[in-house]
Amino acid sequence: MIACFCGQPHALGRRALLASAVAAAATAARAQSAPASAGPADPVLIEELVAGNRILYDQNVVDGFGHISVRHNKDPNRYLLSRSMAPALVTADDILEYDLDSNPVNANGRTSYLERFIHGEIYKVRPDVKAIVHSHSPGILPFADTGVKLRPMNHIASFLGDGAPVFEIRATAGPETDMLIRNAALGKALTVTLGNHPVALMRGHGSVAAAQSIRHVVFRAIYTEVNAKVQAEALKLGKPEYLNPKEAAAATKANDGLVDRPWELWKRRAMAKP
């Protein structure tokens, strides 16, 4: 007996057409749901964002974790952030565009950082902020976890002002979280704690720094870590004498005009490494 498979090619063809239609519909749906792009960002801005990633690693502020973002130069309702990866390995091709709800515009299958909501929620309420760093630098953790306030020890860390506030995730999400800012609600709560401060600590987690440019926020992230280590040493000796509010304000005004000096040094060192 000879079996007949006459109908099989037609069935296979129908299944192939159906699969193609489903795939096309899914692609169209994703395209409709993705926010519109603000257009290509300034290549110099991308270059600085890549350098910022490398510098923060070289200066021991980030390791395999942590991230830095910048507001898009063409649209304040968009920001730029690397895909989920170790900061020291970031290149221009890894930079993604996001809306302020932290939806990727151009992911193309690339994975986003779980804690991107830190960035989007701060940008929503702080028009003065153009760049943000989130890190887990070890020096700040004792101040995030003990109730001892992180305050400016010298003029370089004057941006700390009257001290960095501490975000307590339990107040928003309860006692059984993984400590990550993995949704907009937690991002909003962190933003409330940050307020108008340039730096907020995160109990059991790390810190966030905000500033008017990539160079300024890298400066703040680095010197927050330096200040924490100095303050911890000073507390072993006695009661530190911190900058008063007028000293902090005057020093910050001066330092804001000088961030290019350390930036060029940090960049040359970080970008020379493979």
C-alpha atoms as a PDB file:
ATOM      1  CA  MET A   1       0.000   0.000   0.000  1.00  0.00           C
ATOM      2  CA  ILE A   2       1.317   3.415  -0.903  1.00  0.00           C
ATOM      3  CA  ALA A   3       0.572   6.138   1.619  1.00  0.00           C
ATOM      4  CA  CYS A   4      -0.530   9.462   0.239  1.00  0.00           C
ATOM      5  CA  PHE A   5       0.833  12.700   1.733  1.00  0.00           C
ATOM      6  CA  CYS A   6      -0.810  14.891  -0.833  1.00  0.00           C
ATOM      7  CA  GLY A   7      -2.354  17.243   1.750  1.00  0.00           C
ATOM      8  CA  GLN A   8       0.750  17.645   3.910  1.00  0.00           C
ATOM      9  CA  PRO A   9       2.487  20.407   1.932  1.00  0.00           C
ATOM     10  CA  HIS A  10      -0.680  22.500   2.063  1.00  0.00           C
ATOM     11  CA  ALA A  11      -0.998  21.960   5.847  1.00  0.00           C
ATOM     12  CA  LEU A  12       2.625  22.855   6.372  1.00  0.00           C
ATOM     13  CA  GLY A  13       2.191  25.939   4.245  1.00  0.00           C
ATOM     14  CA  ARG A  14      -0.843  27.038   6.230  1.00  0.00           C
ATOM     15  CA  ARG A  15       1.004  26.562   9.529  1.00  0.00           C
ATOM     16  CA  ALA A  16       3.974  28.525   8.225  1.00  0.00           C
ATOM     17  CA  LEU A  17       1.724  31.355   7.100  1.00  0.00           C
ATOM     18  CA  LEU A  18      -0.073  31.355  10.450  1.00  0.00           C
ATOM     19  CA  ALA A  19       3.222  31.443  12.369  1.00  0.00           C
ATOM     20  CA  SER A  20       4.441  34.288  10.177  1.00  0.00           C
ATOM     21  CA  ALA A  21       1.256  36.247  10.759  1.00  0.00           C
ATOM     22  CA  VAL A  22       1.474  35.767  14.517  1.00  0.00           C
ATOM     23  CA  ALA A  23       5.099  36.910  14.541  1.00  0.00           C
ATOM     24  CA  ALA A  24       4.252  39.954  12.442  1.00  0.00           C
ATOM     25  CA  ALA A  25       1.394  40.852  14.770  1.00  0.00           C
ATOM     26  CA  ALA A  26       3.644  40.540  17.810  1.00  0.00           C
ATOM     27  CA  THR A  27       6.270  42.750  16.172  1.00  0.00           C
ATOM     28  CA  ALA A  28       3.636  45.351  15.295  1.00  0.00           C
ATOM     29  CA  ALA A  29       2.283  45.287  18.848  1.00  0.00           C
ATOM     30  CA  ARG A  30       5.738  45.848  20.287  1.00  0.00           C
ATOM     31  CA  ALA A  31       6.344  48.694  17.869  1.00  0.00           C
ATOM     32  CA  GLN A  32       3.048  50.339  18.875  1.00  0.00           C
ATOM     33  CA  SER A  33       3.746  49.956  22.608  1.00  0.00           C
ATOM     34  CA  ALA A  34       7.349  51.190  22.457  1.00  0.00           C
ATOM     35  CA  PRO A  35       7.736  54.927  23.098  1.00  0.00           C
ATOM     36  CA  ALA A  36       8.896  57.111  20.228  1.00  0.00           C
ATOM     37  CA  SER A  37      12.575  57.937  20.031  1.00  0.00           C
ATOM     38  CA  ALA A  38      13.857  61.461  20.569  1.00  0.00           C
ATOM     39  CA  GLY A  39      16.326  60.772  17.787  1.00  0.00           C
ATOM     40  CA  PRO A  40      20.067  60.168  17.860  1.00  0.00           C
ATOM     41  CA  ALA A  41      21.752  61.618  20.924  1.00  0.00           C
ATOM     42  CA  ASP A  42      24.795  63.851  20.670  1.00  0.00           C
ATOM     43  CA  PRO A  43      27.788  61.536  20.096  1.00  0.00           C
ATOM     44  CA  VAL A  44      29.794  63.582  22.624  1.00  0.00           C
ATOM     45  CA  LEU A  45      27.130  62.882  25.251  1.00  0.00           C
ATOM     46  CA  ILE A  46      27.320  59.159  24.484  1.00  0.00           C
ATOM     47  CA  GLU A  47      31.108  59.292  24.706  1.00  0.00           C
ATOM     48  CA  GLU A  48      30.924  60.951  28.131  1.00  0.00           C
ATOM     49  CA  LEU A  49      28.390  58.392  29.349  1.00  0.00           C
ATOM     50  CA  VAL A  50      30.716  55.555  28.327  1.00  0.00           C
ATOM     51  CA  ALA A  51      33.638  57.317  30.017  1.00  0.00           C
ATOM     52  CA  GLY A  52      31.548  57.837  33.137  1.00  0.00           C
ATOM     53  CA  ASN A  53      30.923  54.101  33.376  1.00  0.00           C
ATOM     54  CA  ARG A  54      34.626  53.341  33.015  1.00  0.00           C
ATOM     55  CA  ILE A  55      35.705  56.028  35.491  1.00  0.00           C
ATOM     56  CA  LEU A  56      33.303  54.881  38.193  1.00  0.00           C
ATOM     57  CA  TYR A  57      34.727  51.380  37.908  1.00  0.00           C
ATOM     58  CA  ASP A  58      38.316  52.585  37.915  1.00  0.00           C
ATOM     59  CA  GLN A  59      37.651  54.708  41.021  1.00  0.00           C
ATOM     60  CA  ASN A  60      36.074  51.760  42.899  1.00  0.00           C
ATOM     61  CA  VAL A  61      32.583  53.232  43.041  1.00  0.00           C
ATOM     62  CA  VAL A  62      31.011  50.450  40.941  1.00  0.00           C
ATOM     63  CA  ASP A  63      32.126  46.897  40.226  1.00  0.00           C
ATOM     64  CA  GLY A  64      30.055  44.416  38.221  1.00  0.00           C
ATOM     65  CA  PHE A  65      26.974  46.264  39.467  1.00  0.00           C
ATOM     66  CA  GLY A  66      25.829  49.875  39.443  1.00  0.00           C
ATOM     67  CA  HIS A  67      24.908  52.258  36.633  1.00  0.00           C
ATOM     68  CA  ILE A  68      25.010  55.836  35.389  1.00  0.00           C
ATOM     69  CA  SER A  69      22.473  57.616  33.180  1.00  0.00           C
ATOM     70  CA  VAL A  70      22.115  60.978  31.467  1.00  0.00           C
ATOM     71  CA  ARG A  71      19.100  62.925  30.271  1.00  0.00           C
ATOM     72  CA  HIS A  72      18.751  62.947  26.468  1.00  0.00           C
ATOM     73  CA  ASN A  73      20.044  66.171  24.930  1.00  0.00           C
ATOM     74  CA  LYS A  74      17.101  66.381  22.488  1.00  0.00           C
ATOM     75  CA  ASP A  75      14.213  65.611  24.844  1.00  0.00           C
ATOM     76  CA  PRO A  76      14.095  66.031  28.654  1.00  0.00           C
ATOM     77  CA  ASN A  77      11.501  63.256  28.752  1.00  0.00           C
ATOM     78  CA  ARG A  78      14.046  60.683  27.609  1.00  0.00           C
ATOM     79  CA  TYR A  79      17.221  59.401  29.212  1.00  0.00           C
ATOM     80  CA  LEU A  80      20.168  57.254  28.171  1.00  0.00           C
ATOM     81  CA  LEU A  81      21.436  54.234  30.090  1.00  0.00           C
ATOM     82  CA  SER A  82      23.474  51.175  29.199  1.00  0.00           C
ATOM     83  CA  ARG A  83      21.892  47.789  28.719  1.00  0.00           C
ATOM     84  CA  SER A  84      22.281  45.509  31.728  1.00  0.00           C
ATOM     85  CA  MET A  85      25.995  44.778  31.957  1.00  0.00           C
ATOM     86  CA  ALA A  86      29.134  45.481  33.993  1.00  0.00           C
ATOM     87  CA  PRO A  87      29.931  49.224  33.783  1.00  0.00           C
ATOM     88  CA  ALA A  88      33.598  48.708  32.895  1.00  0.00           C
ATOM     89  CA  LEU A  89      32.589  46.918  29.687  1.00  0.00           C
ATOM     90  CA  VAL A  90      30.105  49.499  28.376  1.00  0.00           C
ATOM     91  CA  THR A  91      30.580  50.832  24.830  1.00  0.00           C
ATOM     92  CA  ALA A  92      28.567  53.295  22.758  1.00  0.00           C
ATOM     93  CA  ASP A  93      26.683  50.401  21.143  1.00  0.00           C
ATOM     94  CA  ASP A  94      25.340  49.360  24.556  1.00  0.00           C
ATOM     95  CA  ILE A  95      23.528  52.633  25.276  1.00  0.00           C
ATOM     96  CA  LEU A  96      19.722  52.460  25.218  1.00  0.00           C
ATOM     97  CA  GLU A  97      17.131  55.231  25.222  1.00  0.00           C
ATOM     98  CA  TYR A  98      14.283  55.216  27.784  1.00  0.00           C
ATOM     99  CA  ASP A  99      11.178  57.262  28.462  1.00  0.00           C
ATOM    100  CA  LEU A 100      10.624  58.560  31.999  1.00  0.00           C
ATOM    101  CA  ASP A 101       8.491  55.515  32.835  1.00  0.00           C
ATOM    102  CA  SER A 102      11.711  53.595  32.140  1.00  0.00           C
ATOM    103  CA  ASN A 103      10.386  51.822  29.060  1.00  0.00           C
ATOM    104  CA  PRO A 104      13.165  51.137  26.527  1.00  0.00           C
ATOM    105  CA  VAL A 105      12.784  52.776  23.138  1.00  0.00           C
ATOM    106  CA  ASN A 106      15.290  50.715  21.199  1.00  0.00           C
ATOM    107  CA  ALA A 107      16.065  47.582  23.222  1.00  0.00           C
ATOM    108  CA  ASN A 108      16.073  45.203  20.224  1.00  0.00           C
ATOM    109  CA  GLY A 109      16.225  42.196  22.526  1.00  0.00           C
ATOM    110  CA  ARG A 110      18.785  43.679  24.901  1.00  0.00           C
ATOM    111  CA  THR A 111      18.139  43.363  28.644  1.00  0.00           C
ATOM    112  CA  SER A 112      17.542  46.437  30.821  1.00  0.00           C
ATOM    113  CA  TYR A 113      18.783  47.012  34.355  1.00  0.00           C
ATOM    114  CA  LEU A 114      16.185  45.952  36.928  1.00  0.00           C
ATOM    115  CA  GLU A 115      16.722  49.190  38.831  1.00  0.00           C
ATOM    116  CA  ARG A 116      16.334  51.600  35.920  1.00  0.00           C
ATOM    117  CA  PHE A 117      13.293  53.038  37.749  1.00  0.00           C
ATOM    118  CA  ILE A 118      15.709  54.905  40.008  1.00  0.00           C
ATOM    119  CA  HIS A 119      16.640  57.049  37.032  1.00  0.00           C
ATOM    120  CA  GLY A 120      13.254  57.600  35.423  1.00  0.00           C
ATOM    121  CA  GLU A 121      11.484  58.582  38.641  1.00  0.00           C
ATOM    122  CA  ILE A 122      14.161  61.081  39.668  1.00  0.00           C
ATOM    123  CA  TYR A 123      14.167  62.695  36.224  1.00  0.00           C
ATOM    124  CA  LYS A 124      10.390  63.105  36.457  1.00  0.00           C
ATOM    125  CA  VAL A 125      10.498  65.329  39.530  1.00  0.00           C
ATOM    126  CA  ARG A 126      13.951  66.934  39.343  1.00  0.00           C
ATOM    127  CA  PRO A 127      14.244  69.050  36.164  1.00  0.00           C
ATOM    128  CA  ASP A 128      17.586  70.301  37.485  1.00  0.00           C
ATOM    129  CA  VAL A 129      19.045  66.795  37.313  1.00  0.00           C
ATOM    130  CA  LYS A 130      20.779  65.799  34.080  1.00  0.00           C
ATOM    131  CA  ALA A 131      22.717  62.731  35.268  1.00  0.00           C
ATOM    132  CA  ILE A 132      22.332  60.031  37.938  1.00  0.00           C
ATOM    133  CA  VAL A 133      24.603  57.373  39.452  1.00  0.00           C
ATOM    134  CA  HIS A 134      23.470  54.360  41.458  1.00  0.00           C
ATOM    135  CA  SER A 135      26.205  52.380  43.197  1.00  0.00           C
ATOM    136  CA  HIS A 136      26.960  50.018  46.060  1.00  0.00           C
ATOM    137  CA  SER A 137      30.308  51.550  47.036  1.00  0.00           C
ATOM    138  CA  PRO A 138      31.406  49.903  50.285  1.00  0.00           C
ATOM    139  CA  GLY A 139      32.458  52.979  52.255  1.00  0.00           C
ATOM    140  CA  ILE A 140      28.937  54.397  52.404  1.00  0.00           C
ATOM    141  CA  LEU A 141      27.239  51.234  53.683  1.00  0.00           C
ATOM    142  CA  PRO A 142      28.078  51.782  57.377  1.00  0.00           C
ATOM    143  CA  PHE A 143      26.338  55.164  57.164  1.00  0.00           C
ATOM    144  CA  ALA A 144      23.358  53.688  55.322  1.00  0.00           C
ATOM    145  CA  ASP A 145      22.955  50.969  57.951  1.00  0.00           C
ATOM    146  CA  THR A 146      23.784  52.526  61.338  1.00  0.00           C
ATOM    147  CA  GLY A 147      21.962  55.829  61.653  1.00  0.00           C
ATOM    148  CA  VAL A 148      25.255  57.773  61.724  1.00  0.00           C
ATOM    149  CA  LYS A 149      24.707  60.601  59.274  1.00  0.00           C
ATOM    150  CA  LEU A 150      27.109  61.020  56.351  1.00  0.00           C
ATOM    151  CA  ARG A 151      28.263  64.659  56.483  1.00  0.00           C
ATOM    152  CA  PRO A 152      30.938  66.665  54.625  1.00  0.00           C
ATOM    153  CA  MET A 153      34.412  66.262  56.091  1.00  0.00           C
ATOM    154  CA  ASN A 154      36.114  68.723  53.738  1.00  0.00           C
ATOM    155  CA  HIS A 155      35.464  71.163  50.921  1.00  0.00           C
ATOM    156  CA  ILE A 156      35.621  68.531  48.147  1.00  0.00           C
ATOM    157  CA  ALA A 157      32.570  66.729  49.569  1.00  0.00           C
ATOM    158  CA  SER A 158      30.758  69.970  50.414  1.00  0.00           C
ATOM    159  CA  PHE A 159      27.814  68.955  48.198  1.00  0.00           C
ATOM    160  CA  LEU A 160      26.715  66.671  51.066  1.00  0.00           C
ATOM    161  CA  GLY A 161      25.510  69.816  52.814  1.00  0.00           C
ATOM    162  CA  ASP A 162      23.761  69.029  56.091  1.00  0.00           C
ATOM    163  CA  GLY A 163      24.053  65.290  55.440  1.00  0.00           C
ATOM    164  CA  ALA A 164      22.719  62.600  53.143  1.00  0.00           C
ATOM    165  CA  PRO A 165      19.227  61.232  53.907  1.00  0.00           C
ATOM    166  CA  VAL A 166      18.709  57.466  54.091  1.00  0.00           C
ATOM    167  CA  PHE A 167      16.029  55.586  52.159  1.00  0.00           C
ATOM    168  CA  GLU A 168      14.301  52.791  54.062  1.00  0.00           C
ATOM    169  CA  ILE A 169      12.701  50.388  51.592  1.00  0.00           C
ATOM    170  CA  ARG A 170      10.662  48.659  54.315  1.00  0.00           C
ATOM    171  CA  ALA A 171       8.559  51.786  54.728  1.00  0.00           C
ATOM    172  CA  THR A 172       7.215  51.307  51.196  1.00  0.00           C
ATOM    173  CA  ALA A 173       7.514  47.604  50.404  1.00  0.00           C
ATOM    174  CA  GLY A 174       7.444  45.884  53.783  1.00  0.00           C
ATOM    175  CA  PRO A 175      10.029  43.645  55.464  1.00  0.00           C
ATOM    176  CA  GLU A 176      10.469  40.966  52.796  1.00  0.00           C
ATOM    177  CA  THR A 177      11.886  42.651  49.694  1.00  0.00           C
ATOM    178  CA  ASP A 178      15.061  41.832  47.779  1.00  0.00           C
ATOM    179  CA  MET A 179      16.167  45.473  48.416  1.00  0.00           C
ATOM    180  CA  LEU A 180      16.043  46.330  44.698  1.00  0.00           C
ATOM    181  CA  ILE A 181      14.231  49.332  43.209  1.00  0.00           C
ATOM    182  CA  ARG A 182      12.516  47.126  40.668  1.00  0.00           C
ATOM    183  CA  ASN A 183       9.348  49.159  39.989  1.00  0.00           C
ATOM    184  CA  ALA A 184       8.081  52.723  39.673  1.00  0.00           C
ATOM    185  CA  ALA A 185       6.476  52.786  43.142  1.00  0.00           C
ATOM    186  CA  LEU A 186       9.809  52.101  44.830  1.00  0.00           C
ATOM    187  CA  GLY A 187      11.532  54.583  42.524  1.00  0.00           C
ATOM    188  CA  LYS A 188       9.039  57.267  43.577  1.00  0.00           C
ATOM    189  CA  ALA A 189       9.591  56.489  47.244  1.00  0.00           C
ATOM    190  CA  LEU A 190      13.351  56.811  46.812  1.00  0.00           C
ATOM    191  CA  THR A 191      12.818  60.123  45.024  1.00  0.00           C
ATOM    192  CA  VAL A 192      10.869  61.457  48.011  1.00  0.00           C
ATOM    193  CA  THR A 193      13.771  60.599  50.306  1.00  0.00           C
ATOM    194  CA  LEU A 194      16.272  62.201  47.931  1.00  0.00           C
ATOM    195  CA  GLY A 195      14.192  65.380  47.778  1.00  0.00           C
ATOM    196  CA  ASN A 196      16.424  68.268  46.714  1.00  0.00           C
ATOM    197  CA  HIS A 197      19.584  66.605  48.052  1.00  0.00           C
ATOM    198  CA  PRO A 198      22.381  65.606  45.668  1.00  0.00           C
ATOM    199  CA  VAL A 199      22.926  62.242  47.381  1.00  0.00           C
ATOM    200  CA  ALA A 200      20.745  59.742  49.225  1.00  0.00           C
ATOM    201  CA  LEU A 201      21.877  56.528  50.895  1.00  0.00           C
ATOM    202  CA  MET A 202      19.884  53.307  50.671  1.00  0.00           C
ATOM    203  CA  ARG A 203      19.778  51.144  53.771  1.00  0.00           C
ATOM    204  CA  GLY A 204      21.202  47.687  53.114  1.00  0.00           C
ATOM    205  CA  HIS A 205      21.915  48.572  49.522  1.00  0.00           C
ATOM    206  CA  GLY A 206      23.970  51.555  48.387  1.00  0.00           C
ATOM    207  CA  SER A 207      23.402  55.120  47.270  1.00  0.00           C
ATOM    208  CA  VAL A 208      22.186  57.401  44.516  1.00  0.00           C
ATOM    209  CA  ALA A 209      23.789  60.661  43.347  1.00  0.00           C
ATOM    210  CA  ALA A 210      22.177  63.293  41.131  1.00  0.00           C
ATOM    211  CA  ALA A 211      23.705  66.322  39.404  1.00  0.00           C
ATOM    212  CA  GLN A 212      23.576  68.782  36.517  1.00  0.00           C
ATOM    213  CA  SER A 213      25.917  66.815  34.227  1.00  0.00           C
ATOM    214  CA  ILE A 214      27.765  63.522  33.830  1.00  0.00           C
ATOM    215  CA  ARG A 215      30.981  65.120  35.048  1.00  0.00           C
ATOM    216  CA  HIS A 216      29.327  66.571  38.138  1.00  0.00           C
ATOM    217  CA  VAL A 217      27.552  63.361  39.093  1.00  0.00           C
ATOM    218  CA  VAL A 218      30.723  61.280  38.676  1.00  0.00           C
ATOM    219  CA  PHE A 219      32.525  63.821  40.888  1.00  0.00           C
ATOM    220  CA  ARG A 220      29.809  63.474  43.532  1.00  0.00           C
ATOM    221  CA  ALA A 221      29.689  59.685  43.422  1.00  0.00           C
ATOM    222  CA  ILE A 222      33.456  59.408  43.815  1.00  0.00           C
ATOM    223  CA  TYR A 223      33.769  61.940  46.623  1.00  0.00           C
ATOM    224  CA  THR A 224      30.783  60.549  48.481  1.00  0.00           C
ATOM    225  CA  GLU A 225      32.730  57.298  48.769  1.00  0.00           C
ATOM    226  CA  VAL A 226      35.958  59.129  49.695  1.00  0.00           C
ATOM    227  CA  ASN A 227      34.151  61.214  52.322  1.00  0.00           C
ATOM    228  CA  ALA A 228      32.578  58.116  53.857  1.00  0.00           C
ATOM    229  CA  LYS A 229      35.964  56.493  54.359  1.00  0.00           C
ATOM    230  CA  VAL A 230      37.464  59.663  55.844  1.00  0.00           C
ATOM    231  CA  GLN A 231      34.506  60.175  58.170  1.00  0.00           C
ATOM    232  CA  ALA A 232      34.670  56.586  59.395  1.00  0.00           C
ATOM    233  CA  GLU A 233      38.357  57.073  60.255  1.00  0.00           C
ATOM    234  CA  ALA A 234      37.692  60.405  61.967  1.00  0.00           C
ATOM    235  CA  LEU A 235      34.967  58.870  64.137  1.00  0.00           C
ATOM    236  CA  LYS A 236      37.547  56.464  65.521  1.00  0.00           C
ATOM    237  CA  LEU A 237      39.593  59.417  66.803  1.00  0.00           C
ATOM    238  CA  GLY A 238      36.866  61.554  68.243  1.00  0.00           C
ATOM    239  CA  LYS A 239      34.074  63.916  67.265  1.00  0.00           C
ATOM    240  CA  PRO A 240      34.624  65.289  63.733  1.00  0.00           C
ATOM    241  CA  GLU A 241      34.187  68.964  62.904  1.00  0.00           C
ATOM    242  CA  TYR A 242      32.007  69.049  59.792  1.00  0.00           C
ATOM    243  CA  LEU A 243      31.542  71.870  57.304  1.00  0.00           C
ATOM    244  CA  ASN A 244      28.800  74.243  58.402  1.00  0.00           C
ATOM    245  CA  PRO A 245      26.019  75.119  55.918  1.00  0.00           C
ATOM    246  CA  LYS A 246      27.644  78.369  54.736  1.00  0.00           C
ATOM    247  CA  GLU A 247      31.011  76.692  54.230  1.00  0.00           C
ATOM    248  CA  ALA A 248      29.347  73.847  52.334  1.00  0.00           C
ATOM    249  CA  ALA A 249      27.432  76.200  50.050  1.00  0.00           C
ATOM    250  CA  ALA A 250      30.477  78.331  49.260  1.00  0.00           C
ATOM    251  CA  ALA A 251      32.724  75.333  48.622  1.00  0.00           C
ATOM    252  CA  THR A 252      30.141  73.668  46.377  1.00  0.00           C
ATOM    253  CA  LYS A 253      29.856  76.806  44.256  1.00  0.00           C
ATOM    254  CA  ALA A 254      33.630  76.813  43.798  1.00  0.00           C
ATOM    255  CA  ASN A 255      33.918  73.082  43.131  1.00  0.00           C
ATOM    256  CA  ASP A 256      31.146  73.077  40.529  1.00  0.00           C
ATOM    257  CA  GLY A 257      33.403  75.156  38.317  1.00  0.00           C
ATOM    258  CA  LEU A 258      36.364  72.826  38.710  1.00  0.00           C
ATOM    259  CA  VAL A 259      35.012  69.367  37.845  1.00  0.00           C
ATOM    260  CA  ASP A 260      36.796  69.294  34.482  1.00  0.00           C
ATOM    261  CA  ARG A 261      40.186  69.029  36.202  1.00  0.00           C
ATOM    262  CA  PRO A 262      39.688  65.646  37.904  1.00  0.00           C
ATOM    263  CA  TRP A 263      37.475  64.426  35.039  1.00  0.00           C
ATOM    264  CA  GLU A 264      40.300  64.670  32.509  1.00  0.00           C
ATOM    265  CA  LEU A 265      42.642  62.813  34.857  1.00  0.00           C
ATOM    266  CA  TRP A 266      40.108  60.080  35.657  1.00  0.00           C
ATOM    267  CA  LYS A 267      39.139  59.707  32.000  1.00  0.00           C
ATOM    268  CA  ARG A 268      42.710  59.371  30.736  1.00  0.00           C
ATOM    269  CA  ARG A 269      43.424  56.679  33.323  1.00  0.00           C
ATOM    270  CA  ALA A 270      40.162  54.752  32.878  1.00  0.00           C
ATOM    271  CA  MET A 271      40.020  54.817  29.081  1.00  0.00           C
ATOM    272  CA  ALA A 272      43.650  53.698  28.746  1.00  0.00           C
ATOM    273  CA  LYS A 273      42.787  50.360  30.335  1.00  0.00           C
ATOM    274  CA  PRO A 274      41.635  47.454  28.139  1.00  0.00           C
END
